[in-house]
C-alpha atoms as a PDB file:
ATOM      1  CA  MET A   1      -1.017  -2.164  -2.021  1.00  0.00           C
ATOM      2  CA  ASP A   2       1.221  -3.859  -3.402  1.00  0.00           C
ATOM      3  CA  PHE A   3       3.493  -1.267  -5.452  1.00  0.00           C
ATOM      4  CA  GLY A   4       6.727  -0.704  -2.658  1.00  0.00           C
ATOM      5  CA  LYS A   5       6.195  -3.750  -1.134  1.00  0.00           C
ATOM      6  CA  LEU A   6       9.280  -6.190   0.501  1.00  0.00           C
ATOM      7  CA  LYS A   7       9.565  -9.127   2.052  1.00  0.00           C
ATOM      8  CA  ASP A   8      12.777  -7.953   4.065  1.00  0.00           C
ATOM      9  CA  VAL A   9      12.855  -3.994   5.220  1.00  0.00           C
ATOM     10  CA  ARG A  10      15.598  -4.399   7.318  1.00  0.00           C
ATOM     11  CA  ASP A  11      17.782  -1.993   5.773  1.00  0.00           C
ATOM     12  CA  ILE A  12      15.848   0.339   4.682  1.00  0.00           C
ATOM     13  CA  ASP A  13      15.542   3.894   6.177  1.00  0.00           C
ATOM     14  CA  PHE A  14      11.664   4.779   7.578  1.00  0.00           C
ATOM     15  CA  THR A  15      12.821   8.088   8.149  1.00  0.00           C
ATOM     16  CA  LEU A  16      10.338  10.217   6.740  1.00  0.00           C
ATOM     17  CA  PRO A  17      12.533  13.516   4.378  1.00  0.00           C
ATOM     18  CA  PRO A  18      12.210  16.838   4.877  1.00  0.00           C
ATOM     19  CA  ASP A  19       9.571  18.992   3.086  1.00  0.00           C
ATOM     20  CA  ASP A  20      10.466  19.852  -0.448  1.00  0.00           C
ATOM     21  CA  PRO A  21      10.352  23.718  -0.113  1.00  0.00           C
ATOM     22  CA  ALA A  22       7.747  25.037  -1.652  1.00  0.00           C
ATOM     23  CA  THR A  23       5.549  23.100   0.278  1.00  0.00           C
ATOM     24  CA  ALA A  24       5.785  25.720   3.172  1.00  0.00           C
ATOM     25  CA  SER A  25       4.655  28.109   0.084  1.00  0.00           C
ATOM     26  CA  VAL A  26       2.049  26.180  -0.572  1.00  0.00           C
ATOM     27  CA  LEU A  27       0.568  26.268   2.952  1.00  0.00           C
ATOM     28  CA  ALA A  28       1.458  30.194   3.653  1.00  0.00           C
ATOM     29  CA  LYS A  29      -1.060  31.273   0.950  1.00  0.00           C
ATOM     30  CA  ALA A  30      -4.174  32.474   1.798  1.00  0.00           C
ATOM     31  CA  SER A  31      -7.108  30.378   2.996  1.00  0.00           C
ATOM     32  CA  ALA A  32      -9.372  29.236   0.330  1.00  0.00           C
ATOM     33  CA  ALA A  33     -12.479  27.170   0.089  1.00  0.00           C
ATOM     34  CA  SER A  34     -10.907  23.363   0.622  1.00  0.00           C
ATOM     35  CA  PRO A  35     -11.835  21.962  -2.619  1.00  0.00           C
ATOM     36  CA  ALA A  36     -12.837  18.948  -0.636  1.00  0.00           C
ATOM     37  CA  THR A  37     -15.109  19.669   1.746  1.00  0.00           C
ATOM     38  CA  GLN A  38     -15.020  19.412   5.013  1.00  0.00           C
ATOM     39  CA  ALA A  39     -15.894  16.551   7.391  1.00  0.00           C
ATOM     40  CA  GLY A  40     -16.484  16.651  10.624  1.00  0.00           C
ATOM     41  CA  THR A  41     -13.248  17.148  12.913  1.00  0.00           C
ATOM     42  CA  SER A  42     -12.601  20.270  14.668  1.00  0.00           C
ATOM     43  CA  ALA A  43     -10.285  22.101  17.269  1.00  0.00           C
ATOM     44  CA  THR A  44      -9.912  24.938  19.290  1.00  0.00           C
ATOM     45  CA  ASP A  45      -7.946  27.159  16.486  1.00  0.00           C
ATOM     46  CA  ARG A  46      -4.551  27.963  18.420  1.00  0.00           C
ATOM     47  CA  THR A  47      -2.458  28.843  15.332  1.00  0.00           C
ATOM     48  CA  GLY A  48      -3.785  31.140  13.948  1.00  0.00           C
ATOM     49  CA  PHE A  49      -5.079  29.472  10.877  1.00  0.00           C
ATOM     50  CA  ASN A  50      -8.302  27.272  10.261  1.00  0.00           C
ATOM     51  CA  PRO A  51      -8.683  23.866  12.463  1.00  0.00           C
ATOM     52  CA  LEU A  52      -7.680  20.824  10.227  1.00  0.00           C
ATOM     53  CA  ARG A  53     -10.375  18.398   9.070  1.00  0.00           C
ATOM     54  CA  VAL A  54      -8.776  14.938   9.158  1.00  0.00           C
ATOM     55  CA  HIS A  55     -10.534  11.736   7.380  1.00  0.00           C
ATOM     56  CA  ILE A  56      -8.359   8.698   8.038  1.00  0.00           C
ATOM     57  CA  GLY A  57      -9.378   5.476   7.157  1.00  0.00           C
ATOM     58  CA  CYS A  58      -8.687   2.056   5.581  1.00  0.00           C
ATOM     59  CA  PRO A  59      -8.901   1.336   1.572  1.00  0.00           C
ATOM     60  CA  VAL A  60     -12.100  -1.425   1.792  1.00  0.00           C
ATOM     61  CA  TRP A  61     -14.571  -2.632   3.819  1.00  0.00           C
ATOM     62  CA  GLN A  62     -16.116  -5.597   2.899  1.00  0.00           C
ATOM     63  CA  ASP A  63     -12.830  -7.601   4.436  1.00  0.00           C
ATOM     64  CA  GLU A  64     -14.232 -10.211   6.873  1.00  0.00           C
ATOM     65  CA  ASP A  65     -11.654  -9.909   9.464  1.00  0.00           C
ATOM     66  CA  LEU A  66     -11.456  -6.252   8.883  1.00  0.00           C
ATOM     67  CA  ALA A  67     -15.376  -6.529  10.043  1.00  0.00           C
ATOM     68  CA  ARG A  68     -14.301  -8.842  12.284  1.00  0.00           C
ATOM     69  CA  LYS A  69     -13.355  -6.157  14.066  1.00  0.00           C
ATOM     70  CA  LEU A  70     -14.706  -3.066  13.445  1.00  0.00           C
ATOM     71  CA  CYS A  71     -18.276  -4.611  13.633  1.00  0.00           C
ATOM     72  CA  PRO A  72     -20.478  -6.230  16.396  1.00  0.00           C
ATOM     73  CA  LYS A  73     -20.561  -9.879  16.061  1.00  0.00           C
ATOM     74  CA  GLY A  74     -23.488 -11.032  13.911  1.00  0.00           C
ATOM     75  CA  THR A  75     -23.512  -7.638  11.483  1.00  0.00           C
ATOM     76  CA  ALA A  76     -24.803  -8.550   8.346  1.00  0.00           C
ATOM     77  CA  LYS A  77     -22.454  -8.436   4.828  1.00  0.00           C
ATOM     78  CA  ALA A  78     -25.205  -5.251   4.282  1.00  0.00           C
ATOM     79  CA  ARG A  79     -24.447  -3.104   7.552  1.00  0.00           C
ATOM     80  CA  ARG A  80     -20.301  -3.253   7.294  1.00  0.00           C
ATOM     81  CA  LEU A  81     -20.413  -0.341   5.750  1.00  0.00           C
ATOM     82  CA  ALA A  82     -22.536   1.812   8.215  1.00  0.00           C
ATOM     83  CA  CYS A  83     -20.372  -0.211  10.369  1.00  0.00           C
ATOM     84  CA  TYR A  84     -17.161   1.064   9.055  1.00  0.00           C
ATOM     85  CA  SER A  85     -18.590   4.593   8.986  1.00  0.00           C
ATOM     86  CA  ARG A  86     -19.359   4.705  13.065  1.00  0.00           C
ATOM     87  CA  GLN A  87     -15.421   3.824  13.375  1.00  0.00           C
ATOM     88  CA  PHE A  88     -13.735   5.702  10.485  1.00  0.00           C
ATOM     89  CA  ASN A  89     -14.678   9.201   8.672  1.00  0.00           C
ATOM     90  CA  ALA A  90     -13.466   7.882   5.100  1.00  0.00           C
ATOM     91  CA  LEU A  91     -12.465   5.807   2.524  1.00  0.00           C
ATOM     92  CA  GLU A  92     -10.390   5.089   0.009  1.00  0.00           C
ATOM     93  CA  LEU A  93     -12.582   2.573  -2.062  1.00  0.00           C
ATOM     94  CA  ASN A  94      -9.843   1.242  -4.889  1.00  0.00           C
ATOM     95  CA  SER A  95     -13.361  -1.093  -5.984  1.00  0.00           C
ATOM     96  CA  THR A  96     -13.993   2.076  -8.112  1.00  0.00           C
ATOM     97  CA  GLY A  97     -11.075   1.545 -10.019  1.00  0.00           C
ATOM     98  CA  TYR A  98     -13.490  -1.061 -12.018  1.00  0.00           C
ATOM     99  CA  GLY A  99     -15.923   1.319 -12.601  1.00  0.00           C
ATOM    100  CA  LEU A 100     -18.693   3.327 -10.811  1.00  0.00           C
ATOM    101  CA  ASP A 101     -22.784   2.472 -10.316  1.00  0.00           C
ATOM    102  CA  GLN A 102     -24.667   5.652  -9.383  1.00  0.00           C
ATOM    103  CA  GLY A 103     -27.185   3.572  -7.831  1.00  0.00           C
ATOM    104  CA  ARG A 104     -24.741   1.559  -5.831  1.00  0.00           C
ATOM    105  CA  ILE A 105     -22.885   5.348  -5.095  1.00  0.00           C
ATOM    106  CA  ARG A 106     -26.345   6.635  -3.644  1.00  0.00           C
ATOM    107  CA  HIS A 107     -26.608   3.649  -1.735  1.00  0.00           C
ATOM    108  CA  TRP A 108     -23.011   4.099  -0.306  1.00  0.00           C
ATOM    109  CA  ALA A 109     -23.763   7.507   0.531  1.00  0.00           C
ATOM    110  CA  GLY A 110     -26.871   6.755   2.955  1.00  0.00           C
ATOM    111  CA  GLU A 111     -25.031   4.209   4.741  1.00  0.00           C
ATOM    112  CA  THR A 112     -22.841   6.549   6.066  1.00  0.00           C
ATOM    113  CA  PRO A 113     -23.492   9.569   8.508  1.00  0.00           C
ATOM    114  CA  PRO A 114     -22.821  13.355   7.289  1.00  0.00           C
ATOM    115  CA  GLY A 115     -19.125  13.800   8.234  1.00  0.00           C
ATOM    116  CA  PHE A 116     -17.886  10.854   6.302  1.00  0.00           C
ATOM    117  CA  ARG A 117     -16.021  11.373   2.532  1.00  0.00           C
ATOM    118  CA  PHE A 118     -15.127   8.521   0.309  1.00  0.00           C
ATOM    119  CA  CYS A 119     -12.133   8.928  -2.001  1.00  0.00           C
ATOM    120  CA  PRO A 120     -12.534   6.238  -4.725  1.00  0.00           C
ATOM    121  CA  LYS A 121     -10.240   5.706  -7.521  1.00  0.00           C
ATOM    122  CA  VAL A 122     -10.621   6.756 -11.127  1.00  0.00           C
ATOM    123  CA  PRO A 123     -12.150   3.879 -13.223  1.00  0.00           C
ATOM    124  CA  ARG A 124      -8.286   2.252 -14.674  1.00  0.00           C
ATOM    125  CA  ASP A 125      -9.679   2.451 -18.128  1.00  0.00           C
ATOM    126  CA  VAL A 126      -9.309   6.226 -17.895  1.00  0.00           C
ATOM    127  CA  THR A 127      -5.639   6.017 -16.039  1.00  0.00           C
ATOM    128  CA  HIS A 128      -3.980   2.711 -17.591  1.00  0.00           C
ATOM    129  CA  VAL A 129      -4.538   3.487 -20.966  1.00  0.00           C
ATOM    130  CA  PRO A 130      -1.752   4.398 -23.762  1.00  0.00           C
ATOM    131  CA  ASN A 131      -3.006   8.157 -24.330  1.00  0.00           C
ATOM    132  CA  LEU A 132      -5.277  10.510 -22.084  1.00  0.00           C
ATOM    133  CA  ASP A 133      -5.886  12.611 -24.880  1.00  0.00           C
ATOM    134  CA  GLY A 134      -8.530   9.700 -25.448  1.00  0.00           C
ATOM    135  CA  VAL A 135     -10.501   9.295 -22.638  1.00  0.00           C
ATOM    136  CA  TRP A 136     -11.892  12.954 -21.597  1.00  0.00           C
ATOM    137  CA  ASP A 137     -15.618  11.862 -22.433  1.00  0.00           C
ATOM    138  CA  LEU A 138     -15.361   8.743 -20.514  1.00  0.00           C
ATOM    139  CA  TYR A 139     -13.764  10.792 -17.562  1.00  0.00           C
ATOM    140  CA  ASP A 140     -16.856  13.076 -17.591  1.00  0.00           C
ATOM    141  CA  SER A 141     -19.183  10.056 -17.289  1.00  0.00           C
ATOM    142  CA  HIS A 142     -17.130   8.644 -14.318  1.00  0.00           C
ATOM    143  CA  CYS A 143     -17.273  12.523 -12.603  1.00  0.00           C
ATOM    144  CA  GLU A 144     -21.306  12.074 -13.138  1.00  0.00           C
ATOM    145  CA  ALA A 145     -21.389   8.966 -11.705  1.00  0.00           C
ATOM    146  CA  ALA A 146     -19.100  10.194  -9.035  1.00  0.00           C
ATOM    147  CA  GLU A 147     -20.769  13.780  -8.361  1.00  0.00           C
ATOM    148  CA  ALA A 148     -23.794  10.351  -6.660  1.00  0.00           C
ATOM    149  CA  PHE A 149     -21.967  10.489  -3.750  1.00  0.00           C
ATOM    150  CA  GLY A 150     -22.915  14.444  -2.942  1.00  0.00           C
ATOM    151  CA  SER A 151     -21.656  15.967  -0.147  1.00  0.00           C
ATOM    152  CA  ARG A 152     -19.804  12.406   0.658  1.00  0.00           C
ATOM    153  CA  LEU A 153     -16.961  12.999  -1.524  1.00  0.00           C
ATOM    154  CA  GLY A 154     -13.486  13.816  -0.786  1.00  0.00           C
ATOM    155  CA  PHE A 155     -11.399  13.804  -3.806  1.00  0.00           C
ATOM    156  CA  PHE A 156     -11.244  11.467  -6.756  1.00  0.00           C
ATOM    157  CA  LEU A 157      -8.454   9.330  -6.617  1.00  0.00           C
ATOM    158  CA  MET A 158      -5.963   9.354  -9.782  1.00  0.00           C
ATOM    159  CA  GLN A 159      -3.593   6.842  -9.670  1.00  0.00           C
ATOM    160  CA  PHE A 160      -1.627   6.167 -12.429  1.00  0.00           C
ATOM    161  CA  PRO A 161       0.586   3.045 -13.429  1.00  0.00           C
ATOM    162  CA  GLU A 162       3.820   2.848 -12.810  1.00  0.00           C
ATOM    163  CA  ALA A 163       5.381   2.881 -16.839  1.00  0.00           C
ATOM    164  CA  PHE A 164       3.528   6.341 -16.469  1.00  0.00           C
ATOM    165  CA  GLY A 165       6.632   8.618 -16.980  1.00  0.00           C
ATOM    166  CA  PRO A 166       7.219  11.437 -17.980  1.00  0.00           C
ATOM    167  CA  SER A 167       7.205  11.354 -21.440  1.00  0.00           C
ATOM    168  CA  ARG A 168       3.568  11.258 -21.054  1.00  0.00           C
ATOM    169  CA  PHE A 169       3.377  15.252 -19.402  1.00  0.00           C
ATOM    170  CA  ALA A 170       2.336  16.395 -21.858  1.00  0.00           C
ATOM    171  CA  GLU A 171      -1.275  14.069 -22.106  1.00  0.00           C
ATOM    172  CA  LEU A 172      -1.183  15.125 -18.744  1.00  0.00           C
ATOM    173  CA  GLU A 173      -0.828  18.776 -19.289  1.00  0.00           C
ATOM    174  CA  ARG A 174      -3.672  18.602 -21.180  1.00  0.00           C
ATOM    175  CA  PHE A 175      -5.971  16.444 -19.451  1.00  0.00           C
ATOM    176  CA  LEU A 176      -5.470  18.609 -15.975  1.00  0.00           C
ATOM    177  CA  GLN A 177      -5.724  22.001 -18.188  1.00  0.00           C
ATOM    178  CA  ALA A 178      -9.192  20.561 -19.598  1.00  0.00           C
ATOM    179  CA  LYS A 179     -10.686  18.630 -16.394  1.00  0.00           C
ATOM    180  CA  ALA A 180      -9.056  19.500 -13.447  1.00  0.00           C
ATOM    181  CA  SER A 181     -11.873  21.445 -12.167  1.00  0.00           C
ATOM    182  CA  ARG A 182     -14.251  19.128 -12.926  1.00  0.00           C
ATOM    183  CA  LEU A 183     -14.052  17.064  -9.328  1.00  0.00           C
ATOM    184  CA  PRO A 184     -11.277  17.946  -6.211  1.00  0.00           C
ATOM    185  CA  LEU A 185      -8.710  15.723  -7.543  1.00  0.00           C
ATOM    186  CA  ALA A 186      -5.817  13.811  -5.710  1.00  0.00           C
ATOM    187  CA  VAL A 187      -2.516  12.909  -8.361  1.00  0.00           C
ATOM    188  CA  GLU A 188      -0.418   9.841  -7.846  1.00  0.00           C
ATOM    189  CA  VAL A 189       2.208   9.199 -10.062  1.00  0.00           C
ATOM    190  CA  ARG A 190       4.742   6.520  -9.324  1.00  0.00           C
ATOM    191  CA  HIS A 191       7.669   6.494 -11.985  1.00  0.00           C
ATOM    192  CA  PRO A 192      11.174   7.032 -10.551  1.00  0.00           C
ATOM    193  CA  ALA A 193      11.693   9.679 -12.886  1.00  0.00           C
ATOM    194  CA  TRP A 194       8.922  12.112 -11.500  1.00  0.00           C
ATOM    195  CA  PHE A 195      10.947  12.060  -8.536  1.00  0.00           C
ATOM    196  CA  LEU A 196      14.706  11.360  -9.281  1.00  0.00           C
ATOM    197  CA  ASN A 197      15.219  13.843 -12.074  1.00  0.00           C
ATOM    198  CA  GLU A 198      14.692  17.573 -11.075  1.00  0.00           C
ATOM    199  CA  LYS A 199      13.354  19.456 -13.909  1.00  0.00           C
ATOM    200  CA  TRP A 200      10.177  16.971 -14.286  1.00  0.00           C
ATOM    201  CA  LYS A 201       9.275  17.156 -10.479  1.00  0.00           C
ATOM    202  CA  HIS A 202       9.258  20.601 -10.197  1.00  0.00           C
ATOM    203  CA  ARG A 203       7.358  20.405 -13.875  1.00  0.00           C
ATOM    204  CA  LEU A 204       5.177  17.723 -12.534  1.00  0.00           C
ATOM    205  CA  PHE A 205       4.154  19.746  -9.261  1.00  0.00           C
ATOM    206  CA  ASP A 206       3.727  23.302 -10.776  1.00  0.00           C
ATOM    207  CA  LEU A 207       1.234  21.578 -12.839  1.00  0.00           C
ATOM    208  CA  MET A 208      -0.374  20.035 -10.002  1.00  0.00           C
ATOM    209  CA  GLU A 209      -0.442  23.372  -7.999  1.00  0.00           C
ATOM    210  CA  ALA A 210      -1.510  25.434 -10.597  1.00  0.00           C
ATOM    211  CA  HIS A 211      -4.332  23.576 -11.486  1.00  0.00           C
ATOM    212  CA  GLY A 212      -5.196  22.250  -7.664  1.00  0.00           C
ATOM    213  CA  VAL A 213      -4.756  19.120  -7.721  1.00  0.00           C
ATOM    214  CA  ALA A 214      -3.360  17.376  -4.056  1.00  0.00           C
ATOM    215  CA  SER A 215      -0.110  15.632  -4.849  1.00  0.00           C
ATOM    216  CA  VAL A 216      -0.787  12.017  -2.943  1.00  0.00           C
ATOM    217  CA  LEU A 217       1.753  11.368  -1.013  1.00  0.00           C
ATOM    218  CA  THR A 218       2.336   7.285  -1.132  1.00  0.00           C
ATOM    219  CA  ASP A 219       4.858   6.080   2.304  1.00  0.00           C
ATOM    220  CA  THR A 220       5.975   2.818   1.066  1.00  0.00           C
ATOM    221  CA  ALA A 221       9.277   0.344   2.153  1.00  0.00           C
ATOM    222  CA  GLY A 222      10.304  -0.429  -1.705  1.00  0.00           C
ATOM    223  CA  HIS A 223      10.087   2.812  -3.119  1.00  0.00           C
ATOM    224  CA  ARG A 224      10.872   5.604  -0.991  1.00  0.00           C
ATOM    225  CA  GLU A 225      11.750   8.170  -3.551  1.00  0.00           C
ATOM    226  CA  VAL A 226       7.533   8.286  -4.369  1.00  0.00           C
ATOM    227  CA  LEU A 227       7.758   9.791  -0.552  1.00  0.00           C
ATOM    228  CA  HIS A 228       8.134  13.635  -2.464  1.00  0.00           C
ATOM    229  CA  GLN A 229       6.729  16.125   0.757  1.00  0.00           C
ATOM    230  CA  ARG A 230       5.780  18.310  -1.761  1.00  0.00           C
ATOM    231  CA  LEU A 231       2.058  19.588  -0.920  1.00  0.00           C
ATOM    232  CA  THR A 232       0.588  21.078  -4.124  1.00  0.00           C
ATOM    233  CA  THR A 233      -2.841  22.185  -2.326  1.00  0.00           C
ATOM    234  CA  ARG A 234      -3.588  22.903   1.755  1.00  0.00           C
ATOM    235  CA  SER A 235      -4.538  19.368   1.385  1.00  0.00           C
ATOM    236  CA  ALA A 236      -2.729  16.324   2.619  1.00  0.00           C
ATOM    237  CA  PHE A 237      -3.459  13.082   0.741  1.00  0.00           C
ATOM    238  CA  ILE A 238      -1.181  10.135   2.420  1.00  0.00           C
ATOM    239  CA  ARG A 239      -1.136   6.233   1.592  1.00  0.00           C
ATOM    240  CA  PHE A 240       0.512   4.395   4.445  1.00  0.00           C
ATOM    241  CA  ASN A 241       1.782   1.187   3.496  1.00  0.00           C
ATOM    242  CA  GLY A 242       2.667  -0.804   6.376  1.00  0.00           C
ATOM    243  CA  VAL A 243       4.850  -3.865   7.059  1.00  0.00           C
ATOM    244  CA  ALA A 244       3.036  -4.913  10.387  1.00  0.00           C
ATOM    245  CA  VAL A 245       1.037  -4.025  13.491  1.00  0.00           C
ATOM    246  CA  GLY A 246       3.964  -3.053  15.941  1.00  0.00           C
ATOM    247  CA  ALA A 247       6.361  -0.274  17.229  1.00  0.00           C
ATOM    248  CA  GLY A 248       7.765  -0.406  14.097  1.00  0.00           C
ATOM    249  CA  ASP A 249       5.052   1.174  11.808  1.00  0.00           C
ATOM    250  CA  PHE A 250       3.551   2.715  14.965  1.00  0.00           C
ATOM    251  CA  ARG A 251       6.875   5.262  14.927  1.00  0.00           C
ATOM    252  CA  ARG A 252       6.722   5.597  11.323  1.00  0.00           C
ATOM    253  CA  LEU A 253       3.151   6.873  12.464  1.00  0.00           C
ATOM    254  CA  ASP A 254       4.274   8.752  15.042  1.00  0.00           C
ATOM    255  CA  GLU A 255       6.655  10.533  12.788  1.00  0.00           C
ATOM    256  CA  TRP A 256       3.604  11.192  10.680  1.00  0.00           C
ATOM    257  CA  ALA A 257       1.730  13.066  13.349  1.00  0.00           C
ATOM    258  CA  ALA A 258       4.778  15.665  14.357  1.00  0.00           C
ATOM    259  CA  ARG A 259       4.737  16.321  10.544  1.00  0.00           C
ATOM    260  CA  ILE A 260       1.247  16.691  10.344  1.00  0.00           C
ATOM    261  CA  ARG A 261       1.571  19.139  13.791  1.00  0.00           C
ATOM    262  CA  SER A 262       4.083  21.272  11.507  1.00  0.00           C
ATOM    263  CA  TRP A 263       1.552  21.366   8.688  1.00  0.00           C
ATOM    264  CA  MET A 264      -0.937  22.270  10.440  1.00  0.00           C
ATOM    265  CA  ASP A 265       0.514  25.143  12.137  1.00  0.00           C
ATOM    266  CA  GLN A 266       1.354  25.877   8.272  1.00  0.00           C
ATOM    267  CA  GLY A 267      -2.406  26.553   7.793  1.00  0.00           C
ATOM    268  CA  LEU A 268      -2.515  23.047   6.386  1.00  0.00           C
ATOM    269  CA  ASP A 269      -6.330  22.909   6.138  1.00  0.00           C
ATOM    270  CA  ASP A 270      -7.530  19.053   4.881  1.00  0.00           C
ATOM    271  CA  LEU A 271      -5.266  15.662   5.995  1.00  0.00           C
ATOM    272  CA  TYR A 272      -6.818  12.445   4.209  1.00  0.00           C
ATOM    273  CA  LEU A 273      -4.487   8.942   5.684  1.00  0.00           C
ATOM    274  CA  PHE A 274      -5.106   6.252   4.505  1.00  0.00           C
ATOM    275  CA  ALA A 275      -3.367   2.618   6.259  1.00  0.00           C
ATOM    276  CA  HIS A 276      -2.785  -0.377   3.655  1.00  0.00           C
ATOM    277  CA  LEU A 277      -1.524  -3.780   4.809  1.00  0.00           C
ATOM    278  CA  ASP A 278      -1.994  -7.421   4.873  1.00  0.00           C
ATOM    279  CA  PRO A 279      -4.211  -8.625   6.354  1.00  0.00           C
ATOM    280  CA  VAL A 280      -6.611  -6.044   5.962  1.00  0.00           C
ATOM    281  CA  GLY A 281      -8.172  -6.273   9.020  1.00  0.00           C
ATOM    282  CA  ASP A 282      -4.540  -4.692  10.187  1.00  0.00           C
ATOM    283  CA  SER A 283      -4.796  -1.533   8.758  1.00  0.00           C
ATOM    284  CA  ALA A 284      -7.823  -0.534  11.405  1.00  0.00           C
ATOM    285  CA  GLU A 285      -5.074  -0.955  14.616  1.00  0.00           C
ATOM    286  CA  LEU A 286      -3.007   1.115  11.744  1.00  0.00           C
ATOM    287  CA  ALA A 287      -5.455   3.673  11.871  1.00  0.00           C
ATOM    288  CA  ALA A 288      -6.346   3.933  15.248  1.00  0.00           C
ATOM    289  CA  HIS A 289      -2.890   4.065  16.343  1.00  0.00           C
ATOM    290  CA  PHE A 290      -2.360   6.712  13.771  1.00  0.00           C
ATOM    291  CA  ILE A 291      -6.333   8.767  15.019  1.00  0.00           C
ATOM    292  CA  ARG A 292      -4.300   8.370  18.713  1.00  0.00           C
ATOM    293  CA  SER A 293      -1.038   9.711  18.004  1.00  0.00           C
ATOM    294  CA  LEU A 294      -2.193  12.257  15.842  1.00  0.00           C
ATOM    295  CA  LYS A 295      -4.493  13.221  19.130  1.00  0.00           C
ATOM    296  CA  ALA A 296      -1.195  13.652  21.148  1.00  0.00           C
ATOM    297  CA  ALA A 297       0.837  15.674  18.604  1.00  0.00           C
ATOM    298  CA  THR A 298      -2.170  18.521  17.975  1.00  0.00           C
ATOM    299  CA  GLY A 299      -4.124  18.368  20.551  1.00  0.00           C
ATOM    300  CA  LEU A 300      -7.640  17.532  18.123  1.00  0.00           C
ATOM    301  CA  ASP A 301     -10.962  15.846  19.591  1.00  0.00           C
ATOM    302  CA  LEU A 302     -10.816  13.202  17.386  1.00  0.00           C
ATOM    303  CA  ALA A 303     -13.436  10.109  18.070  1.00  0.00           C
ATOM    304  CA  GLU A 304     -11.173   7.021  18.439  1.00  0.00           C
ATOM    305  CA  PRO A 305     -12.082   3.825  16.950  1.00  0.00           C
ATOM    306  CA  ARG A 306     -13.117   0.601  18.704  1.00  0.00           C
ATOM    307  CA  ILE A 307     -11.174  -2.405  17.570  1.00  0.00           C
ATOM    308  CA  ARG A 308     -13.124  -5.344  19.271  1.00  0.00           C
ATOM    309  CA  ASN A 309     -12.016  -8.909  19.844  1.00  0.00           C
ATOM    310  CA  GLU A 310     -13.285 -11.807  18.572  1.00  0.00           C
ATOM    311  CA  ALA A 311     -14.998 -12.751  22.101  1.00  0.00           C
ATOM    312  CA  GLU A 312     -17.154  -9.328  22.565  1.00  0.00           C
ATOM    313  CA  ASP A 313     -20.393  -9.595  21.267  1.00  0.00           C
ATOM    314  CA  GLU A 314     -22.009  -7.267  24.033  1.00  0.00           C
ATOM    315  CA  GLU A 315     -22.950  -4.910  22.427  1.00  0.00           C
ATOM    316  CA  PRO A 316     -26.312  -5.227  19.800  1.00  0.00           C
ATOM    317  CA  SER A 317     -25.205  -6.110  15.871  1.00  0.00           C
ATOM    318  CA  LEU A 318     -26.536  -4.391  13.184  1.00  0.00           C
ATOM    319  CA  ALA A 319     -27.844  -7.264  11.292  1.00  0.00           C
ATOM    320  CA  LEU A 320     -31.228  -6.664   9.120  1.00  0.00           C
END
């Protein structure tokens, strides 16, 4: 994820900001069926709320370095998704930003176990256009394709470009009024004015809350303003942009684990967290660390992925 990527982060304060005051009221609302049904992590309910459902992963599965770290040596390219889904239970799926194909989606869904969740991006021919009013039918066709994920669908990720600012609020309002109920939807905006102008911040997130749309939280070095900490549903969708595998990013993830524990105690139903890092293979190590940290912070019974070194080949491969 290039958004907010910096070469020098020495002067960046990575401390998580406090929650937006409205987050507590969202989490306190009577529990309803989560819009993104329901992956397979459970734990003893010690808080009076439903156990938190946890979905953690990376943005892609095809990457060569990622495959070396997650798959037995000799695993065929065609089996990398099956291998990935044995290690993580969610995938952001960046590739759908360029289109969706029902046949391919059915195949992907069939390669993964029942608890796995895909969060495909809404194609750019909807999100990167001059006017949302002209793409409603096109969005419906993309939803029809995405429905082929069946029970493997988490959220449809609607990621707007940085130029999409408050001047387009009316378009977004009309779109969400008409289409938000079509599929479970998570929305990410990036223009600074959404976050630095209190009027627009409240209007945006109140709109999303009213329509049951999850607000994406983006943790990236160069745009700390987008880390708004305003939940609009009882699901948290976090895109974590790492700097490097090591103590710095591990501390950031530990702080996230503590925040998730707080939200869990207040009533959070679902968590989606996707780790981004260049090289992509290193994102698996960040995601694995977060799972360990979240286990320690919450007591949840979470399966940990096995990050392999290149010498390991004792297990049979997944070659066809």
